[in-house]
Amino acid sequence: QVQLVESGGGSVQAGGSLRLSCAVYGSTDSLYCMAWFRQTPGKAREGVAALGDIAGLTYAESVKGRFTISKDNAKNTLYLQMNSLKPEDTAIYYCAARYGDSCPIGVGAFHFWGQGTQVTVSS
């Protein structure tokens, strides 16, 4: 019913910026929570930022002050603005969404996932 399609990944130097986009297709009824996760090969997927229509915003400490999650309801698109990128930000970034009022940054809590987009930050 819901499909998430990501774009905007790429390669940048440390200190650079990227904006990731996640287009949402299908019914968004009760889809009140959306989030970004990232994963490096060999490591577990980790939460980066979450935006809940009811719950509000949540950021991982490692990205707080550098990343901004937002969405454009008219375009059915979620964004992640990433500034002051660091090499440790290198990962595949995934968009996720879930039904409900809560919006925790936990992998198991999300119902829908995008295909992922690669972000590479060089020193």
PDB file of N, CA and C in Angstrom:
ATOM      1  N   GLN A   1       0.817  -1.208   0.000  1.00  0.00           N
ATOM      2  CA  GLN A   1       0.000   0.000   0.000  1.00  0.00           C
ATOM      3  C   GLN A   1       0.854   1.263   0.000  1.00  0.00           C
ATOM      4  N   VAL A   2       1.969   1.223   0.699  1.00  0.00           N
ATOM      5  CA  VAL A   2       2.863   2.366   0.791  1.00  0.00           C
ATOM      6  C   VAL A   2       4.230   1.996   0.229  1.00  0.00           C
ATOM      7  N   GLN A   3       4.768   2.870  -0.587  1.00  0.00           N
ATOM      8  CA  GLN A   3       6.092   2.681  -1.144  1.00  0.00           C
ATOM      9  C   GLN A   3       6.932   3.932  -0.902  1.00  0.00           C
ATOM     10  N   LEU A   4       8.169   3.742  -0.498  1.00  0.00           N
ATOM     11  CA  LEU A   4       9.086   4.841  -0.241  1.00  0.00           C
ATOM     12  C   LEU A   4      10.228   4.767  -1.245  1.00  0.00           C
ATOM     13  N   VAL A   5      10.504   5.879  -1.898  1.00  0.00           N
ATOM     14  CA  VAL A   5      11.550   5.933  -2.910  1.00  0.00           C
ATOM     15  C   VAL A   5      12.515   7.051  -2.565  1.00  0.00           C
ATOM     16  N   GLU A   6      13.768   6.687  -2.329  1.00  0.00           N
ATOM     17  CA  GLU A   6      14.774   7.640  -1.891  1.00  0.00           C
ATOM     18  C   GLU A   6      15.631   8.140  -3.043  1.00  0.00           C
ATOM     19  N   SER A   7      16.187   9.327  -2.850  1.00  0.00           N
ATOM     20  CA  SER A   7      17.110   9.902  -3.811  1.00  0.00           C
ATOM     21  C   SER A   7      17.964  10.942  -3.099  1.00  0.00           C
ATOM     22  N   GLY A   8      19.000  11.404  -3.762  1.00  0.00           N
ATOM     23  CA  GLY A   8      19.806  12.492  -3.236  1.00  0.00           C
ATOM     24  C   GLY A   8      21.151  12.101  -2.670  1.00  0.00           C
ATOM     25  N   GLY A   9      21.423  10.811  -2.583  1.00  0.00           N
ATOM     26  CA  GLY A   9      22.712  10.383  -2.077  1.00  0.00           C
ATOM     27  C   GLY A   9      23.829  10.725  -3.048  1.00  0.00           C
ATOM     28  N   GLY A  10      25.049  10.629  -2.561  1.00  0.00           N
ATOM     29  CA  GLY A  10      26.194  10.929  -3.390  1.00  0.00           C
ATOM     30  C   GLY A  10      27.461  10.970  -2.569  1.00  0.00           C
ATOM     31  N   SER A  11      28.520  11.453  -3.193  1.00  0.00           N
ATOM     32  CA  SER A  11      29.815  11.561  -2.544  1.00  0.00           C
ATOM     33  C   SER A  11      30.185  13.021  -2.348  1.00  0.00           C
ATOM     34  N   VAL A  12      30.609  13.353  -1.142  1.00  0.00           N
ATOM     35  CA  VAL A  12      31.010  14.716  -0.819  1.00  0.00           C
ATOM     36  C   VAL A  12      32.232  14.689   0.074  1.00  0.00           C
ATOM     37  N   GLN A  13      32.921  15.804   0.127  1.00  0.00           N
ATOM     38  CA  GLN A  13      34.034  15.951   1.047  1.00  0.00           C
ATOM     39  C   GLN A  13      33.525  16.293   2.433  1.00  0.00           C
ATOM     40  N   ALA A  14      34.327  15.980   3.425  1.00  0.00           N
ATOM     41  CA  ALA A  14      33.983  16.349   4.789  1.00  0.00           C
ATOM     42  C   ALA A  14      33.694  17.840   4.866  1.00  0.00           C
ATOM     43  N   GLY A  15      32.640  18.175   5.582  1.00  0.00           N
ATOM     44  CA  GLY A  15      32.216  19.557   5.686  1.00  0.00           C
ATOM     45  C   GLY A  15      31.167  19.955   4.672  1.00  0.00           C
ATOM     46  N   GLY A  16      30.934  19.095   3.705  1.00  0.00           N
ATOM     47  CA  GLY A  16      29.956  19.379   2.676  1.00  0.00           C
ATOM     48  C   GLY A  16      28.545  19.059   3.105  1.00  0.00           C
ATOM     49  N   SER A  17      27.618  19.235   2.177  1.00  0.00           N
ATOM     50  CA  SER A  17      26.202  19.050   2.462  1.00  0.00           C
ATOM     51  C   SER A  17      25.524  18.214   1.391  1.00  0.00           C
ATOM     52  N   LEU A  18      24.484  17.527   1.798  1.00  0.00           N
ATOM     53  CA  LEU A  18      23.612  16.794   0.900  1.00  0.00           C
ATOM     54  C   LEU A  18      22.191  16.892   1.427  1.00  0.00           C
ATOM     55  N   ARG A  19      21.235  16.793   0.531  1.00  0.00           N
ATOM     56  CA  ARG A  19      19.851  16.692   0.941  1.00  0.00           C
ATOM     57  C   ARG A  19      19.243  15.432   0.355  1.00  0.00           C
ATOM     58  N   LEU A  20      18.807  14.555   1.221  1.00  0.00           N
ATOM     59  CA  LEU A  20      18.154  13.335   0.812  1.00  0.00           C
ATOM     60  C   LEU A  20      16.652  13.564   0.725  1.00  0.00           C
ATOM     61  N   SER A  21      16.032  12.894  -0.222  1.00  0.00           N
ATOM     62  CA  SER A  21      14.593  12.982  -0.390  1.00  0.00           C
ATOM     63  C   SER A  21      13.982  11.594  -0.343  1.00  0.00           C
ATOM     64  N   CYS A  22      12.783  11.511   0.159  1.00  0.00           N
ATOM     65  CA  CYS A  22      12.039  10.256   0.218  1.00  0.00           C
ATOM     66  C   CYS A  22      10.625  10.534  -0.237  1.00  0.00           C
ATOM     67  N   ALA A  23      10.303  10.091  -1.430  1.00  0.00           N
ATOM     68  CA  ALA A  23       8.957  10.256  -1.954  1.00  0.00           C
ATOM     69  C   ALA A  23       8.068   9.135  -1.445  1.00  0.00           C
ATOM     70  N   VAL A  24       6.883   9.496  -1.011  1.00  0.00           N
ATOM     71  CA  VAL A  24       5.941   8.532  -0.449  1.00  0.00           C
ATOM     72  C   VAL A  24       4.810   8.310  -1.432  1.00  0.00           C
ATOM     73  N   TYR A  25       4.583   7.056  -1.781  1.00  0.00           N
ATOM     74  CA  TYR A  25       3.502   6.689  -2.684  1.00  0.00           C
ATOM     75  C   TYR A  25       2.506   5.795  -1.972  1.00  0.00           C
ATOM     76  N   GLY A  26       1.260   5.944  -2.327  1.00  0.00           N
ATOM     77  CA  GLY A  26       0.209   5.177  -1.683  1.00  0.00           C
ATOM     78  C   GLY A  26      -0.477   5.995  -0.607  1.00  0.00           C
ATOM     79  N   SER A  27      -1.317   5.329   0.123  1.00  0.00           N
ATOM     80  CA  SER A  27      -2.091   5.998   1.157  1.00  0.00           C
ATOM     81  C   SER A  27      -1.217   6.428   2.324  1.00  0.00           C
ATOM     82  N   THR A  28      -1.391   7.673   2.730  1.00  0.00           N
ATOM     83  CA  THR A  28      -0.653   8.184   3.881  1.00  0.00           C
ATOM     84  C   THR A  28      -1.553   8.365   5.098  1.00  0.00           C
ATOM     85  N   ASP A  29      -2.753   7.821   5.016  1.00  0.00           N
ATOM     86  CA  ASP A  29      -3.662   7.899   6.148  1.00  0.00           C
ATOM     87  C   ASP A  29      -3.036   7.244   7.369  1.00  0.00           C
ATOM     88  N   SER A  30      -3.023   7.966   8.460  1.00  0.00           N
ATOM     89  CA  SER A  30      -2.489   7.487   9.732  1.00  0.00           C
ATOM     90  C   SER A  30      -0.990   7.208   9.688  1.00  0.00           C
ATOM     91  N   LEU A  31      -0.329   7.659   8.627  1.00  0.00           N
ATOM     92  CA  LEU A  31       1.119   7.485   8.516  1.00  0.00           C
ATOM     93  C   LEU A  31       1.771   8.716   9.141  1.00  0.00           C
ATOM     94  N   TYR A  32       1.764   8.741  10.442  1.00  0.00           N
ATOM     95  CA  TYR A  32       2.149   9.942  11.176  1.00  0.00           C
ATOM     96  C   TYR A  32       3.619  10.026  11.553  1.00  0.00           C
ATOM     97  N   CYS A  33       4.356   8.971  11.315  1.00  0.00           N
ATOM     98  CA  CYS A  33       5.755   8.933  11.712  1.00  0.00           C
ATOM     99  C   CYS A  33       6.636   8.538  10.545  1.00  0.00           C
ATOM    100  N   MET A  34       7.651   9.329  10.289  1.00  0.00           N
ATOM    101  CA  MET A  34       8.630   8.991   9.275  1.00  0.00           C
ATOM    102  C   MET A  34      10.021   9.248   9.840  1.00  0.00           C
ATOM    103  N   ALA A  35      10.984   8.517   9.318  1.00  0.00           N
ATOM    104  CA  ALA A  35      12.313   8.598   9.894  1.00  0.00           C
ATOM    105  C   ALA A  35      13.381   8.249   8.871  1.00  0.00           C
ATOM    106  N   TRP A  36      14.602   8.605   9.213  1.00  0.00           N
ATOM    107  CA  TRP A  36      15.775   8.215   8.456  1.00  0.00           C
ATOM    108  C   TRP A  36      16.657   7.329   9.313  1.00  0.00           C
ATOM    109  N   PHE A  37      17.117   6.254   8.715  1.00  0.00           N
ATOM    110  CA  PHE A  37      18.074   5.353   9.333  1.00  0.00           C
ATOM    111  C   PHE A  37      19.301   5.272   8.442  1.00  0.00           C
ATOM    112  N   ARG A  38      20.372   4.749   8.987  1.00  0.00           N
ATOM    113  CA  ARG A  38      21.557   4.532   8.171  1.00  0.00           C
ATOM    114  C   ARG A  38      22.238   3.242   8.595  1.00  0.00           C
ATOM    115  N   GLN A  39      22.977   2.668   7.656  1.00  0.00           N
ATOM    116  CA  GLN A  39      23.634   1.404   7.926  1.00  0.00           C
ATOM    117  C   GLN A  39      24.951   1.318   7.175  1.00  0.00           C
ATOM    118  N   THR A  40      25.979   0.929   7.902  1.00  0.00           N
ATOM    119  CA  THR A  40      27.291   0.664   7.344  1.00  0.00           C
ATOM    120  C   THR A  40      27.479  -0.846   7.286  1.00  0.00           C
ATOM    121  N   PRO A  41      28.114  -1.362   6.232  1.00  0.00           N
ATOM    122  CA  PRO A  41      28.326  -2.808   6.156  1.00  0.00           C
ATOM    123  C   PRO A  41      28.945  -3.366   7.428  1.00  0.00           C
ATOM    124  N   GLY A  42      28.354  -4.423   7.943  1.00  0.00           N
ATOM    125  CA  GLY A  42      28.847  -5.045   9.148  1.00  0.00           C
ATOM    126  C   GLY A  42      28.284  -4.471  10.431  1.00  0.00           C
ATOM    127  N   LYS A  43      27.501  -3.419  10.322  1.00  0.00           N
ATOM    128  CA  LYS A  43      26.912  -2.811  11.499  1.00  0.00           C
ATOM    129  C   LYS A  43      25.391  -2.825  11.400  1.00  0.00           C
ATOM    130  N   ALA A  44      24.756  -2.737  12.541  1.00  0.00           N
ATOM    131  CA  ALA A  44      23.300  -2.705  12.585  1.00  0.00           C
ATOM    132  C   ALA A  44      22.773  -1.369  12.087  1.00  0.00           C
ATOM    133  N   ARG A  45      21.583  -1.415  11.554  1.00  0.00           N
ATOM    134  CA  ARG A  45      20.942  -0.189  11.119  1.00  0.00           C
ATOM    135  C   ARG A  45      20.632   0.685  12.338  1.00  0.00           C
ATOM    136  N   GLU A  46      20.922   1.971  12.233  1.00  0.00           N
ATOM    137  CA  GLU A  46      20.718   2.868  13.352  1.00  0.00           C
ATOM    138  C   GLU A  46      19.850   4.052  12.959  1.00  0.00           C
ATOM    139  N   GLY A  47      19.099   4.534  13.911  1.00  0.00           N
ATOM    140  CA  GLY A  47      18.243   5.673  13.675  1.00  0.00           C
ATOM    141  C   GLY A  47      19.032   6.963  13.591  1.00  0.00           C
ATOM    142  N   VAL A  48      18.643   7.826  12.687  1.00  0.00           N
ATOM    143  CA  VAL A  48      19.281   9.120  12.490  1.00  0.00           C
ATOM    144  C   VAL A  48      18.374  10.250  12.942  1.00  0.00           C
ATOM    145  N   ALA A  49      17.156  10.245  12.437  1.00  0.00           N
ATOM    146  CA  ALA A  49      16.210  11.296  12.765  1.00  0.00           C
ATOM    147  C   ALA A  49      14.799  10.810  12.512  1.00  0.00           C
ATOM    148  N   ALA A  50      13.867  11.304  13.285  1.00  0.00           N
ATOM    149  CA  ALA A  50      12.471  10.932  13.122  1.00  0.00           C
ATOM    150  C   ALA A  50      11.590  12.166  13.210  1.00  0.00           C
ATOM    151  N   LEU A  51      10.531  12.156  12.443  1.00  0.00           N
ATOM    152  CA  LEU A  51       9.564  13.247  12.438  1.00  0.00           C
ATOM    153  C   LEU A  51       8.179  12.649  12.608  1.00  0.00           C
ATOM    154  N   GLY A  52       7.568  12.936  13.724  1.00  0.00           N
ATOM    155  CA  GLY A  52       6.213  12.497  13.987  1.00  0.00           C
ATOM    156  C   GLY A  52       5.256  13.672  13.972  1.00  0.00           C
ATOM    157  N   ASP A  53       4.172  13.522  13.254  1.00  0.00           N
ATOM    158  CA  ASP A  53       3.184  14.603  13.197  1.00  0.00           C
ATOM    159  C   ASP A  53       2.681  14.946  14.588  1.00  0.00           C
ATOM    160  N   ILE A  54       2.609  13.939  15.435  1.00  0.00           N
ATOM    161  CA  ILE A  54       2.151  14.125  16.802  1.00  0.00           C
ATOM    162  C   ILE A  54       3.317  14.139  17.777  1.00  0.00           C
ATOM    163  N   ALA A  55       4.259  13.238  17.580  1.00  0.00           N
ATOM    164  CA  ALA A  55       5.362  13.072  18.523  1.00  0.00           C
ATOM    165  C   ALA A  55       6.444  14.132  18.391  1.00  0.00           C
ATOM    166  N   GLY A  56       6.553  14.769  17.247  1.00  0.00           N
ATOM    167  CA  GLY A  56       7.576  15.781  17.061  1.00  0.00           C
ATOM    168  C   GLY A  56       8.874  15.220  16.507  1.00  0.00           C
ATOM    169  N   LEU A  57       9.969  15.938  16.758  1.00  0.00           N
ATOM    170  CA  LEU A  57      11.264  15.611  16.173  1.00  0.00           C
ATOM    171  C   LEU A  57      12.182  14.899  17.144  1.00  0.00           C
ATOM    172  N   THR A  58      12.955  13.981  16.600  1.00  0.00           N
ATOM    173  CA  THR A  58      13.972  13.286  17.369  1.00  0.00           C
ATOM    174  C   THR A  58      15.213  13.127  16.504  1.00  0.00           C
ATOM    175  N   TYR A  59      16.381  13.411  17.070  1.00  0.00           N
ATOM    176  CA  TYR A  59      17.642  13.263  16.364  1.00  0.00           C
ATOM    177  C   TYR A  59      18.603  12.419  17.169  1.00  0.00           C
ATOM    178  N   ALA A  60      19.400  11.644  16.468  1.00  0.00           N
ATOM    179  CA  ALA A  60      20.507  10.981  17.119  1.00  0.00           C
ATOM    180  C   ALA A  60      21.511  12.034  17.570  1.00  0.00           C
ATOM    181  N   GLU A  61      22.154  11.795  18.699  1.00  0.00           N
ATOM    182  CA  GLU A  61      23.103  12.763  19.220  1.00  0.00           C
ATOM    183  C   GLU A  61      24.237  13.044  18.238  1.00  0.00           C
ATOM    184  N   SER A  62      24.602  12.059  17.468  1.00  0.00           N
ATOM    185  CA  SER A  62      25.712  12.206  16.547  1.00  0.00           C
ATOM    186  C   SER A  62      25.428  13.162  15.392  1.00  0.00           C
ATOM    187  N   VAL A  63      24.154  13.433  15.128  1.00  0.00           N
ATOM    188  CA  VAL A  63      23.808  14.308  14.010  1.00  0.00           C
ATOM    189  C   VAL A  63      23.114  15.581  14.454  1.00  0.00           C
ATOM    190  N   LYS A  64      22.820  15.689  15.723  1.00  0.00           N
ATOM    191  CA  LYS A  64      22.102  16.849  16.232  1.00  0.00           C
ATOM    192  C   LYS A  64      22.885  18.128  15.944  1.00  0.00           C
ATOM    193  N   GLY A  65      22.198  19.109  15.395  1.00  0.00           N
ATOM    194  CA  GLY A  65      22.819  20.364  15.044  1.00  0.00           C
ATOM    195  C   GLY A  65      23.375  20.392  13.641  1.00  0.00           C
ATOM    196  N   ARG A  66      23.491  19.226  13.010  1.00  0.00           N
ATOM    197  CA  ARG A  66      24.016  19.148  11.653  1.00  0.00           C
ATOM    198  C   ARG A  66      22.967  18.704  10.645  1.00  0.00           C
ATOM    199  N   PHE A  67      22.084  17.820  11.068  1.00  0.00           N
ATOM    200  CA  PHE A  67      21.049  17.281  10.182  1.00  0.00           C
ATOM    201  C   PHE A  67      19.693  17.867  10.553  1.00  0.00           C
ATOM    202  N   THR A  68      18.850  18.015   9.552  1.00  0.00           N
ATOM    203  CA  THR A  68      17.493  18.484   9.773  1.00  0.00           C
ATOM    204  C   THR A  68      16.518  17.612   8.997  1.00  0.00           C
ATOM    205  N   ILE A  69      15.558  17.048   9.695  1.00  0.00           N
ATOM    206  CA  ILE A  69      14.522  16.265   9.044  1.00  0.00           C
ATOM    207  C   ILE A  69      13.287  17.140   8.859  1.00  0.00           C
ATOM    208  N   SER A  70      12.663  17.023   7.714  1.00  0.00           N
ATOM    209  CA  SER A  70      11.475  17.805   7.429  1.00  0.00           C
ATOM    210  C   SER A  70      10.649  17.081   6.383  1.00  0.00           C
ATOM    211  N   LYS A  71       9.449  17.551   6.156  1.00  0.00           N
ATOM    212  CA  LYS A  71       8.641  16.976   5.095  1.00  0.00           C
ATOM    213  C   LYS A  71       7.738  18.020   4.468  1.00  0.00           C
ATOM    214  N   ASP A  72       7.416  17.772   3.222  1.00  0.00           N
ATOM    215  CA  ASP A  72       6.509  18.611   2.469  1.00  0.00           C
ATOM    216  C   ASP A  72       5.272  17.770   2.199  1.00  0.00           C
ATOM    217  N   ASN A  73       4.225  18.029   2.934  1.00  0.00           N
ATOM    218  CA  ASN A  73       3.017  17.223   2.802  1.00  0.00           C
ATOM    219  C   ASN A  73       2.379  17.354   1.422  1.00  0.00           C
ATOM    220  N   ALA A  74       2.474  18.523   0.837  1.00  0.00           N
ATOM    221  CA  ALA A  74       1.902  18.732  -0.488  1.00  0.00           C
ATOM    222  C   ALA A  74       2.585  17.868  -1.535  1.00  0.00           C
ATOM    223  N   LYS A  75       3.870  17.608  -1.343  1.00  0.00           N
ATOM    224  CA  LYS A  75       4.634  16.792  -2.278  1.00  0.00           C
ATOM    225  C   LYS A  75       4.786  15.349  -1.817  1.00  0.00           C
ATOM    226  N   ASN A  76       4.259  15.050  -0.649  1.00  0.00           N
ATOM    227  CA  ASN A  76       4.406  13.713  -0.066  1.00  0.00           C
ATOM    228  C   ASN A  76       5.874  13.282  -0.058  1.00  0.00           C
ATOM    229  N   THR A  77       6.712  14.176   0.423  1.00  0.00           N
ATOM    230  CA  THR A  77       8.147  13.932   0.397  1.00  0.00           C
ATOM    231  C   THR A  77       8.781  14.259   1.744  1.00  0.00           C
ATOM    232  N   LEU A  78       9.609  13.363   2.208  1.00  0.00           N
ATOM    233  CA  LEU A  78      10.402  13.545   3.420  1.00  0.00           C
ATOM    234  C   LEU A  78      11.811  13.937   3.019  1.00  0.00           C
ATOM    235  N   TYR A  79      12.436  14.807   3.794  1.00  0.00           N
ATOM    236  CA  TYR A  79      13.785  15.272   3.495  1.00  0.00           C
ATOM    237  C   TYR A  79      14.714  15.069   4.684  1.00  0.00           C
ATOM    238  N   LEU A  80      15.980  14.934   4.362  1.00  0.00           N
ATOM    239  CA  LEU A  80      17.014  14.986   5.377  1.00  0.00           C
ATOM    240  C   LEU A  80      18.112  15.901   4.862  1.00  0.00           C
ATOM    241  N   GLN A  81      18.184  17.092   5.420  1.00  0.00           N
ATOM    242  CA  GLN A  81      19.244  18.025   5.077  1.00  0.00           C
ATOM    243  C   GLN A  81      20.443  17.704   5.945  1.00  0.00           C
ATOM    244  N   MET A  82      21.558  17.396   5.318  1.00  0.00           N
ATOM    245  CA  MET A  82      22.757  16.996   6.031  1.00  0.00           C
ATOM    246  C   MET A  82      23.850  18.022   5.768  1.00  0.00           C
ATOM    247  N   ASN A  83      24.255  18.715   6.805  1.00  0.00           N
ATOM    248  CA  ASN A  83      25.312  19.706   6.720  1.00  0.00           C
ATOM    249  C   ASN A  83      26.509  19.275   7.553  1.00  0.00           C
ATOM    250  N   SER A  84      27.639  19.895   7.291  1.00  0.00           N
ATOM    251  CA  SER A  84      28.863  19.595   8.035  1.00  0.00           C
ATOM    252  C   SER A  84      29.120  18.102   8.105  1.00  0.00           C
ATOM    253  N   LEU A  85      29.028  17.457   6.974  1.00  0.00           N
ATOM    254  CA  LEU A  85      29.162  16.010   6.927  1.00  0.00           C
ATOM    255  C   LEU A  85      30.555  15.556   7.338  1.00  0.00           C
ATOM    256  N   LYS A  86      30.579  14.422   8.008  1.00  0.00           N
ATOM    257  CA  LYS A  86      31.809  13.824   8.486  1.00  0.00           C
ATOM    258  C   LYS A  86      31.991  12.452   7.846  1.00  0.00           C
ATOM    259  N   PRO A  87      33.223  11.971   7.768  1.00  0.00           N
ATOM    260  CA  PRO A  87      33.435  10.632   7.206  1.00  0.00           C
ATOM    261  C   PRO A  87      32.617   9.560   7.911  1.00  0.00           C
ATOM    262  N   GLU A  88      32.394   9.704   9.199  1.00  0.00           N
ATOM    263  CA  GLU A  88      31.617   8.722   9.930  1.00  0.00           C
ATOM    264  C   GLU A  88      30.134   8.742   9.576  1.00  0.00           C
ATOM    265  N   ASP A  89      29.710   9.724   8.796  1.00  0.00           N
ATOM    266  CA  ASP A  89      28.340   9.749   8.296  1.00  0.00           C
ATOM    267  C   ASP A  89      28.161   8.844   7.085  1.00  0.00           C
ATOM    268  N   THR A  90      29.253   8.342   6.558  1.00  0.00           N
ATOM    269  CA  THR A  90      29.194   7.459   5.397  1.00  0.00           C
ATOM    270  C   THR A  90      28.362   6.223   5.720  1.00  0.00           C
ATOM    271  N   ALA A  91      27.352   5.972   4.905  1.00  0.00           N
ATOM    272  CA  ALA A  91      26.449   4.855   5.140  1.00  0.00           C
ATOM    273  C   ALA A  91      25.415   4.819   4.030  1.00  0.00           C
ATOM    274  N   ILE A  92      24.644   3.746   4.016  1.00  0.00           N
ATOM    275  CA  ILE A  92      23.436   3.728   3.213  1.00  0.00           C
ATOM    276  C   ILE A  92      22.326   4.290   4.085  1.00  0.00           C
ATOM    277  N   TYR A  93      21.632   5.270   3.564  1.00  0.00           N
ATOM    278  CA  TYR A  93      20.564   5.917   4.312  1.00  0.00           C
ATOM    279  C   TYR A  93      19.212   5.417   3.828  1.00  0.00           C
ATOM    280  N   TYR A  94      18.368   5.052   4.776  1.00  0.00           N
ATOM    281  CA  TYR A  94      17.059   4.500   4.481  1.00  0.00           C
ATOM    282  C   TYR A  94      15.955   5.385   5.032  1.00  0.00           C
ATOM    283  N   CYS A  95      14.926   5.540   4.253  1.00  0.00           N
ATOM    284  CA  CYS A  95      13.715   6.197   4.694  1.00  0.00           C
ATOM    285  C   CYS A  95      12.770   5.141   5.242  1.00  0.00           C
ATOM    286  N   ALA A  96      12.042   5.486   6.288  1.00  0.00           N
ATOM    287  CA  ALA A  96      11.104   4.552   6.885  1.00  0.00           C
ATOM    288  C   ALA A  96       9.855   5.282   7.348  1.00  0.00           C
ATOM    289  N   ALA A  97       8.764   4.541   7.459  1.00  0.00           N
ATOM    290  CA  ALA A  97       7.509   5.118   7.914  1.00  0.00           C
ATOM    291  C   ALA A  97       6.730   4.093   8.719  1.00  0.00           C
ATOM    292  N   ARG A  98       5.900   4.594   9.601  1.00  0.00           N
ATOM    293  CA  ARG A  98       5.063   3.714  10.398  1.00  0.00           C
ATOM    294  C   ARG A  98       3.725   4.370  10.685  1.00  0.00           C
ATOM    295  N   TYR A  99       2.749   3.550  10.967  1.00  0.00           N
ATOM    296  CA  TYR A  99       1.458   4.036  11.415  1.00  0.00           C
ATOM    297  C   TYR A  99       1.491   4.279  12.908  1.00  0.00           C
ATOM    298  N   GLY A 100       0.660   5.188  13.362  1.00  0.00           N
ATOM    299  CA  GLY A 100       0.526   5.398  14.787  1.00  0.00           C
ATOM    300  C   GLY A 100       0.972   6.769  15.231  1.00  0.00           C
ATOM    301  N   ASP A 101       0.710   7.044  16.499  1.00  0.00           N
ATOM    302  CA  ASP A 101       1.007   8.350  17.066  1.00  0.00           C
ATOM    303  C   ASP A 101       2.435   8.490  17.560  1.00  0.00           C
ATOM    304  N   SER A 102       3.050   7.393  17.962  1.00  0.00           N
ATOM    305  CA  SER A 102       4.411   7.451  18.451  1.00  0.00           C
ATOM    306  C   SER A 102       5.394   7.425  17.299  1.00  0.00           C
ATOM    307  N   CYS A 103       6.625   7.853  17.567  1.00  0.00           N
ATOM    308  CA  CYS A 103       7.632   7.909  16.511  1.00  0.00           C
ATOM    309  C   CYS A 103       9.019   7.655  17.078  1.00  0.00           C
ATOM    310  N   PRO A 104       9.258   6.446  17.530  1.00  0.00           N
ATOM    311  CA  PRO A 104      10.566   6.111  18.079  1.00  0.00           C
ATOM    312  C   PRO A 104      11.558   5.802  16.961  1.00  0.00           C
ATOM    313  N   ILE A 105      12.836   6.020  17.234  1.00  0.00           N
ATOM    314  CA  ILE A 105      13.849   5.650  16.248  1.00  0.00           C
ATOM    315  C   ILE A 105      14.307   4.228  16.556  1.00  0.00           C
ATOM    316  N   GLY A 106      13.455   3.292  16.221  1.00  0.00           N
ATOM    317  CA  GLY A 106      13.753   1.884  16.396  1.00  0.00           C
ATOM    318  C   GLY A 106      13.398   1.136  15.131  1.00  0.00           C
ATOM    319  N   VAL A 107      14.312   0.338  14.633  1.00  0.00           N
ATOM    320  CA  VAL A 107      14.115  -0.352  13.360  1.00  0.00           C
ATOM    321  C   VAL A 107      12.851  -1.189  13.362  1.00  0.00           C
ATOM    322  N   GLY A 108      12.606  -1.898  14.451  1.00  0.00           N
ATOM    323  CA  GLY A 108      11.477  -2.802  14.517  1.00  0.00           C
ATOM    324  C   GLY A 108      10.134  -2.119  14.547  1.00  0.00           C
ATOM    325  N   ALA A 109      10.118  -0.822  14.790  1.00  0.00           N
ATOM    326  CA  ALA A 109       8.864  -0.100  14.916  1.00  0.00           C
ATOM    327  C   ALA A 109       8.284   0.338  13.585  1.00  0.00           C
ATOM    328  N   PHE A 110       9.041   0.232  12.504  1.00  0.00           N
ATOM    329  CA  PHE A 110       8.624   0.798  11.236  1.00  0.00           C
ATOM    330  C   PHE A 110       8.082  -0.248  10.275  1.00  0.00           C
ATOM    331  N   HIS A 111       7.027   0.128   9.607  1.00  0.00           N
ATOM    332  CA  HIS A 111       6.303  -0.773   8.722  1.00  0.00           C
ATOM    333  C   HIS A 111       6.813  -0.759   7.291  1.00  0.00           C
ATOM    334  N   PHE A 112       7.306   0.374   6.837  1.00  0.00           N
ATOM    335  CA  PHE A 112       7.698   0.538   5.446  1.00  0.00           C
ATOM    336  C   PHE A 112       9.102   1.095   5.350  1.00  0.00           C
ATOM    337  N   TRP A 113       9.818   0.634   4.334  1.00  0.00           N
ATOM    338  CA  TRP A 113      11.209   1.025   4.141  1.00  0.00           C
ATOM    339  C   TRP A 113      11.500   1.348   2.690  1.00  0.00           C
ATOM    340  N   GLY A 114      12.372   2.326   2.490  1.00  0.00           N
ATOM    341  CA  GLY A 114      12.863   2.616   1.166  1.00  0.00           C
ATOM    342  C   GLY A 114      13.999   1.688   0.801  1.00  0.00           C
ATOM    343  N   GLN A 115      14.509   1.840  -0.403  1.00  0.00           N
ATOM    344  CA  GLN A 115      15.560   0.959  -0.905  1.00  0.00           C
ATOM    345  C   GLN A 115      16.946   1.359  -0.430  1.00  0.00           C
ATOM    346  N   GLY A 116      17.071   2.557   0.088  1.00  0.00           N
ATOM    347  CA  GLY A 116      18.347   3.056   0.556  1.00  0.00           C
ATOM    348  C   GLY A 116      19.068   3.871  -0.492  1.00  0.00           C
ATOM    349  N   THR A 117      19.836   4.849  -0.040  1.00  0.00           N
ATOM    350  CA  THR A 117      20.655   5.657  -0.929  1.00  0.00           C
ATOM    351  C   THR A 117      22.016   5.861  -0.279  1.00  0.00           C
ATOM    352  N   GLN A 118      23.057   5.694  -1.064  1.00  0.00           N
ATOM    353  CA  GLN A 118      24.414   5.727  -0.531  1.00  0.00           C
ATOM    354  C   GLN A 118      24.893   7.152  -0.321  1.00  0.00           C
ATOM    355  N   VAL A 119      25.449   7.392   0.857  1.00  0.00           N
ATOM    356  CA  VAL A 119      26.116   8.651   1.166  1.00  0.00           C
ATOM    357  C   VAL A 119      27.556   8.337   1.521  1.00  0.00           C
ATOM    358  N   THR A 120      28.478   8.949   0.819  1.00  0.00           N
ATOM    359  CA  THR A 120      29.892   8.737   1.072  1.00  0.00           C
ATOM    360  C   THR A 120      30.557  10.076   1.346  1.00  0.00           C
ATOM    361  N   VAL A 121      31.211  10.171   2.489  1.00  0.00           N
ATOM    362  CA  VAL A 121      31.887  11.404   2.883  1.00  0.00           C
ATOM    363  C   VAL A 121      33.376  11.118   2.991  1.00  0.00           C
ATOM    364  N   SER A 122      34.158  11.797   2.199  1.00  0.00           N
ATOM    365  CA  SER A 122      35.597  11.582   2.181  1.00  0.00           C
ATOM    366  C   SER A 122      36.300  12.604   3.059  1.00  0.00           C
ATOM    367  N   SER A 123      37.478  12.212   3.551  1.00  0.00           N
ATOM    368  CA  SER A 123      38.265  13.087   4.410  1.00  0.00           C
ATOM    369  C   SER A 123      38.902  14.202   3.611  1.00  0.00           C
TER     370      SER A 123
END
